[in-house]
PDB file of N, CA and C in Angstrom:
ATOM      1  N   MET A   1       0.927  -1.327   0.061  1.00  0.00           N
ATOM      2  CA  MET A   1      -0.169   0.052  -0.299  1.00  0.00           C
ATOM      3  C   MET A   1       0.713   1.609  -0.182  1.00  0.00           C
ATOM      4  N   PHE A   2       0.366   2.336  -0.800  1.00  0.00           N
ATOM      5  CA  PHE A   2       1.275   3.308  -0.933  1.00  0.00           C
ATOM      6  C   PHE A   2       1.073   4.522   0.311  1.00  0.00           C
ATOM      7  N   ILE A   3       0.958   5.088   0.549  1.00  0.00           N
ATOM      8  CA  ILE A   3       0.418   6.320   1.479  1.00  0.00           C
ATOM      9  C   ILE A   3       1.827   7.639   1.228  1.00  0.00           C
ATOM     10  N   GLY A   4       1.304   8.644   1.088  1.00  0.00           N
ATOM     11  CA  GLY A   4       1.834   9.598   1.428  1.00  0.00           C
ATOM     12  C   GLY A   4       1.157  11.138   2.043  1.00  0.00           C
ATOM     13  N   ALA A   5       1.580  11.850   2.245  1.00  0.00           N
ATOM     14  CA  ALA A   5       1.344  13.300   3.083  1.00  0.00           C
ATOM     15  C   ALA A   5       1.481  14.686   1.982  1.00  0.00           C
ATOM     16  N   PHE A   6       0.422  14.800   2.009  1.00  0.00           N
ATOM     17  CA  PHE A   6       0.420  16.337   1.698  1.00  0.00           C
ATOM     18  C   PHE A   6      -0.257  17.721   1.941  1.00  0.00           C
ATOM     19  N   ASP A   7       0.693  19.138   1.655  1.00  0.00           N
ATOM     20  CA  ASP A   7       0.473  20.043   2.541  1.00  0.00           C
ATOM     21  C   ASP A   7      -0.759  20.684   1.724  1.00  0.00           C
ATOM     22  N   ASP A   8      -1.067  22.086   1.952  1.00  0.00           N
ATOM     23  CA  ASP A   8      -2.616  22.655   1.842  1.00  0.00           C
ATOM     24  C   ASP A   8      -2.286  22.631   0.143  1.00  0.00           C
ATOM     25  N   ASP A   9      -1.434  22.489  -0.427  1.00  0.00           N
ATOM     26  CA  ASP A   9      -1.326  23.618  -2.158  1.00  0.00           C
ATOM     27  C   ASP A   9      -0.885  22.222  -2.906  1.00  0.00           C
ATOM     28  N   GLY A  10      -1.449  21.018  -2.136  1.00  0.00           N
ATOM     29  CA  GLY A  10      -0.980  19.835  -2.992  1.00  0.00           C
ATOM     30  C   GLY A  10       0.637  18.900  -2.965  1.00  0.00           C
ATOM     31  N   THR A  11       1.676  20.039  -2.497  1.00  0.00           N
ATOM     32  CA  THR A  11       2.632  19.085  -2.552  1.00  0.00           C
ATOM     33  C   THR A  11       2.859  17.776  -1.922  1.00  0.00           C
ATOM     34  N   LEU A  12       3.824  16.946  -2.052  1.00  0.00           N
ATOM     35  CA  LEU A  12       4.088  16.286  -1.962  1.00  0.00           C
ATOM     36  C   LEU A  12       4.892  15.657  -0.373  1.00  0.00           C
ATOM     37  N   LEU A  13       4.714  15.891   0.764  1.00  0.00           N
ATOM     38  CA  LEU A  13       5.928  16.211   1.723  1.00  0.00           C
ATOM     39  C   LEU A  13       6.310  14.744   2.291  1.00  0.00           C
ATOM     40  N   GLY A  14       6.192  13.439   1.878  1.00  0.00           N
ATOM     41  CA  GLY A  14       6.421  12.326   2.709  1.00  0.00           C
ATOM     42  C   GLY A  14       5.737  11.449   1.645  1.00  0.00           C
ATOM     43  N   ALA A  15       5.880  10.138   1.255  1.00  0.00           N
ATOM     44  CA  ALA A  15       5.890   8.848   1.068  1.00  0.00           C
ATOM     45  C   ALA A  15       6.226   7.860   2.077  1.00  0.00           C
ATOM     46  N   GLY A  16       5.683   6.858   1.506  1.00  0.00           N
ATOM     47  CA  GLY A  16       6.091   5.382   1.858  1.00  0.00           C
ATOM     48  C   GLY A  16       5.223   3.949   2.207  1.00  0.00           C
ATOM     49  N   ILE A  17       5.487   2.435   1.800  1.00  0.00           N
ATOM     50  CA  ILE A  17       4.854   2.070   1.370  1.00  0.00           C
ATOM     51  C   ILE A  17       4.677   1.066   2.815  1.00  0.00           C
ATOM     52  N   LEU A  18       3.346   0.579   2.757  1.00  0.00           N
ATOM     53  CA  LEU A  18       2.754  -0.678   3.441  1.00  0.00           C
ATOM     54  C   LEU A  18       2.636  -1.642   3.318  1.00  0.00           C
ATOM     55  N   THR A  19       2.922  -2.957   4.323  1.00  0.00           N
ATOM     56  CA  THR A  19       2.002  -3.783   3.519  1.00  0.00           C
ATOM     57  C   THR A  19       1.785  -4.404   5.342  1.00  0.00           C
ATOM     58  N   LYS A  20       0.512  -4.954   5.152  1.00  0.00           N
ATOM     59  CA  LYS A  20       0.075  -5.959   5.924  1.00  0.00           C
ATOM     60  C   LYS A  20       0.008  -7.690   6.339  1.00  0.00           C
ATOM     61  N   GLY A  21       0.245  -7.929   7.916  1.00  0.00           N
ATOM     62  CA  GLY A  21       0.306  -8.739   8.254  1.00  0.00           C
ATOM     63  C   GLY A  21       1.972  -8.684   8.376  1.00  0.00           C
ATOM     64  N   GLU A  22       2.098  -9.606   8.906  1.00  0.00           N
ATOM     65  CA  GLU A  22       3.585 -10.199   9.286  1.00  0.00           C
ATOM     66  C   GLU A  22       4.664 -10.339   7.763  1.00  0.00           C
ATOM     67  N   ASP A  23       5.468 -10.008   6.710  1.00  0.00           N
ATOM     68  CA  ASP A  23       6.304 -10.378   5.858  1.00  0.00           C
ATOM     69  C   ASP A  23       6.977 -11.532   6.039  1.00  0.00           C
ATOM     70  N   PRO A  24       6.918 -12.665   4.728  1.00  0.00           N
ATOM     71  CA  PRO A  24       7.210 -13.380   5.154  1.00  0.00           C
ATOM     72  C   PRO A  24       9.524 -13.790   4.663  1.00  0.00           C
ATOM     73  N   ASP A  25       9.922 -12.065   3.954  1.00  0.00           N
ATOM     74  CA  ASP A  25      10.901 -12.513   4.140  1.00  0.00           C
ATOM     75  C   ASP A  25      11.500 -12.137   5.119  1.00  0.00           C
ATOM     76  N   TYR A  26      11.095 -11.872   5.984  1.00  0.00           N
ATOM     77  CA  TYR A  26      11.821 -11.032   7.374  1.00  0.00           C
ATOM     78  C   TYR A  26      11.469 -12.347   8.278  1.00  0.00           C
ATOM     79  N   PRO A  27      12.856 -12.718   9.184  1.00  0.00           N
ATOM     80  CA  PRO A  27      12.177 -13.448  10.074  1.00  0.00           C
ATOM     81  C   PRO A  27      10.946 -13.220  11.657  1.00  0.00           C
ATOM     82  N   SER A  28      11.014 -14.404  11.723  1.00  0.00           N
ATOM     83  CA  SER A  28       9.934 -14.169  13.281  1.00  0.00           C
ATOM     84  C   SER A  28      10.402 -13.777  13.990  1.00  0.00           C
ATOM     85  N   GLU A  29       9.952 -12.758  14.391  1.00  0.00           N
ATOM     86  CA  GLU A  29      10.422 -12.540  16.111  1.00  0.00           C
ATOM     87  C   GLU A  29       8.860 -12.458  16.721  1.00  0.00           C
ATOM     88  N   ALA A  30       9.547 -12.233  17.979  1.00  0.00           N
ATOM     89  CA  ALA A  30       8.040 -12.869  18.835  1.00  0.00           C
ATOM     90  C   ALA A  30       7.674 -11.227  19.244  1.00  0.00           C
ATOM     91  N   TRP A  31       6.620 -10.230  19.400  1.00  0.00           N
ATOM     92  CA  TRP A  31       6.030  -9.255  18.924  1.00  0.00           C
ATOM     93  C   TRP A  31       6.238  -9.132  21.444  1.00  0.00           C
ATOM     94  N   LYS A  32       6.286  -7.979  21.271  1.00  0.00           N
ATOM     95  CA  LYS A  32       6.312  -7.253  22.877  1.00  0.00           C
ATOM     96  C   LYS A  32       5.481  -7.603  23.512  1.00  0.00           C
ATOM     97  N   ILE A  33       4.014  -7.245  22.589  1.00  0.00           N
ATOM     98  CA  ILE A  33       2.800  -6.646  22.341  1.00  0.00           C
ATOM     99  C   ILE A  33       1.879  -8.154  21.397  1.00  0.00           C
ATOM    100  N   PRO A  34       0.941  -8.863  22.001  1.00  0.00           N
ATOM    101  CA  PRO A  34       0.969  -9.680  21.113  1.00  0.00           C
ATOM    102  C   PRO A  34      -0.315  -9.404  20.163  1.00  0.00           C
ATOM    103  N   ALA A  35      -0.195  -9.480  18.589  1.00  0.00           N
ATOM    104  CA  ALA A  35      -0.966  -9.352  17.765  1.00  0.00           C
ATOM    105  C   ALA A  35      -1.210 -10.487  16.637  1.00  0.00           C
ATOM    106  N   THR A  36      -2.568  -9.655  16.100  1.00  0.00           N
ATOM    107  CA  THR A  36      -2.661 -10.941  15.002  1.00  0.00           C
ATOM    108  C   THR A  36      -2.601  -9.626  13.427  1.00  0.00           C
ATOM    109  N   ASP A  37      -2.059 -11.085  12.237  1.00  0.00           N
ATOM    110  CA  ASP A  37      -1.689 -10.159  10.855  1.00  0.00           C
ATOM    111  C   ASP A  37      -2.143  -8.872  10.706  1.00  0.00           C
ATOM    112  N   ASP A  38      -3.989  -8.896  11.067  1.00  0.00           N
ATOM    113  CA  ASP A  38      -4.553  -7.781  10.679  1.00  0.00           C
ATOM    114  C   ASP A  38      -4.703  -6.410  11.292  1.00  0.00           C
ATOM    115  N   GLN A  39      -3.518  -6.825  12.958  1.00  0.00           N
ATOM    116  CA  GLN A  39      -3.324  -5.269  13.363  1.00  0.00           C
ATOM    117  C   GLN A  39      -1.836  -5.347  13.031  1.00  0.00           C
ATOM    118  N   ILE A  40      -0.872  -6.240  12.537  1.00  0.00           N
ATOM    119  CA  ILE A  40       0.327  -5.640  11.944  1.00  0.00           C
ATOM    120  C   ILE A  40       0.395  -5.350  10.273  1.00  0.00           C
ATOM    121  N   ALA A  41       1.485  -4.031  10.215  1.00  0.00           N
ATOM    122  CA  ALA A  41       1.760  -3.093   9.076  1.00  0.00           C
ATOM    123  C   ALA A  41       3.119  -2.984   9.052  1.00  0.00           C
ATOM    124  N   ILE A  42       3.988  -3.265   8.255  1.00  0.00           N
ATOM    125  CA  ILE A  42       5.111  -3.077   8.193  1.00  0.00           C
ATOM    126  C   ILE A  42       6.266  -2.189   6.510  1.00  0.00           C
ATOM    127  N   LEU A  43       6.637  -1.039   7.463  1.00  0.00           N
ATOM    128  CA  LEU A  43       7.590   0.108   6.684  1.00  0.00           C
ATOM    129  C   LEU A  43       8.252  -0.821   5.857  1.00  0.00           C
ATOM    130  N   HIS A  44       8.411  -0.334   4.492  1.00  0.00           N
ATOM    131  CA  HIS A  44       9.422  -0.925   4.123  1.00  0.00           C
ATOM    132  C   HIS A  44       9.780   0.214   2.889  1.00  0.00           C
ATOM    133  N   LEU A  45       9.834   1.300   2.917  1.00  0.00           N
ATOM    134  CA  LEU A  45       9.923   1.975   2.547  1.00  0.00           C
ATOM    135  C   LEU A  45       9.855   3.775   2.882  1.00  0.00           C
ATOM    136  N   LEU A  46      10.223   5.119   3.533  1.00  0.00           N
ATOM    137  CA  LEU A  46       9.678   5.767   3.751  1.00  0.00           C
ATOM    138  C   LEU A  46      10.245   7.724   3.321  1.00  0.00           C
ATOM    139  N   ALA A  47      10.172   7.650   2.445  1.00  0.00           N
ATOM    140  CA  ALA A  47      10.898   9.047   2.421  1.00  0.00           C
ATOM    141  C   ALA A  47      10.682  10.694   2.835  1.00  0.00           C
ATOM    142  N   VAL A  48      11.195  11.049   2.457  1.00  0.00           N
ATOM    143  CA  VAL A  48      11.058  12.863   2.262  1.00  0.00           C
ATOM    144  C   VAL A  48      11.003  13.678   2.073  1.00  0.00           C
ATOM    145  N   GLY A  49      10.611  14.831   1.502  1.00  0.00           N
ATOM    146  CA  GLY A  49      10.100  15.735   0.290  1.00  0.00           C
ATOM    147  C   GLY A  49      11.993  16.714   0.894  1.00  0.00           C
ATOM    148  N   PRO A  50      12.093  17.598  -0.239  1.00  0.00           N
ATOM    149  CA  PRO A  50      12.781  18.214   0.860  1.00  0.00           C
ATOM    150  C   PRO A  50      12.975  19.435   1.556  1.00  0.00           C
ATOM    151  N   ALA A  51      11.669  19.843   0.545  1.00  0.00           N
ATOM    152  CA  ALA A  51      10.805  20.312   1.031  1.00  0.00           C
ATOM    153  C   ALA A  51      10.040  20.977   3.053  1.00  0.00           C
ATOM    154  N   ALA A  52       9.635  18.690   3.019  1.00  0.00           N
ATOM    155  CA  ALA A  52      10.139  19.152   4.318  1.00  0.00           C
ATOM    156  C   ALA A  52      10.731  18.735   5.755  1.00  0.00           C
ATOM    157  N   ARG A  53      11.391  18.528   4.581  1.00  0.00           N
ATOM    158  CA  ARG A  53      12.643  18.343   6.023  1.00  0.00           C
ATOM    159  C   ARG A  53      13.639  18.891   7.091  1.00  0.00           C
ATOM    160  N   GLY A  54      13.730  17.979   8.245  1.00  0.00           N
ATOM    161  CA  GLY A  54      13.637  19.084   9.027  1.00  0.00           C
ATOM    162  C   GLY A  54      12.261  20.185  10.272  1.00  0.00           C
ATOM    163  N   LYS A  55      11.787  19.302   9.604  1.00  0.00           N
ATOM    164  CA  LYS A  55      10.379  20.430  10.682  1.00  0.00           C
ATOM    165  C   LYS A  55       8.931  19.408  11.169  1.00  0.00           C
ATOM    166  N   GLY A  56       9.849  18.083  11.388  1.00  0.00           N
ATOM    167  CA  GLY A  56       9.198  17.488  12.507  1.00  0.00           C
ATOM    168  C   GLY A  56       9.118  17.812  13.637  1.00  0.00           C
ATOM    169  N   GLY A  57       7.917  17.667  14.511  1.00  0.00           N
ATOM    170  CA  GLY A  57       7.607  17.806  16.019  1.00  0.00           C
ATOM    171  C   GLY A  57       9.021  17.500  16.908  1.00  0.00           C
ATOM    172  N   ARG A  58       9.102  17.900  18.098  1.00  0.00           N
ATOM    173  CA  ARG A  58      10.377  17.987  18.791  1.00  0.00           C
ATOM    174  C   ARG A  58       9.479  17.369  20.006  1.00  0.00           C
TER     175      ARG A  58
END
């Protein structure tokens, strides 16, 4: 699933790719909090546009 964040004028600020459930390409580890596949999403890619860099909250 592609996700994106845009500002009010439509400029893309950031984007990412999520997959739902555990990924078979990654070794299975025990979660500290029990979760089913429908409660898990894995972030595979995160990109932040130049106009949005350095503007995160603290």
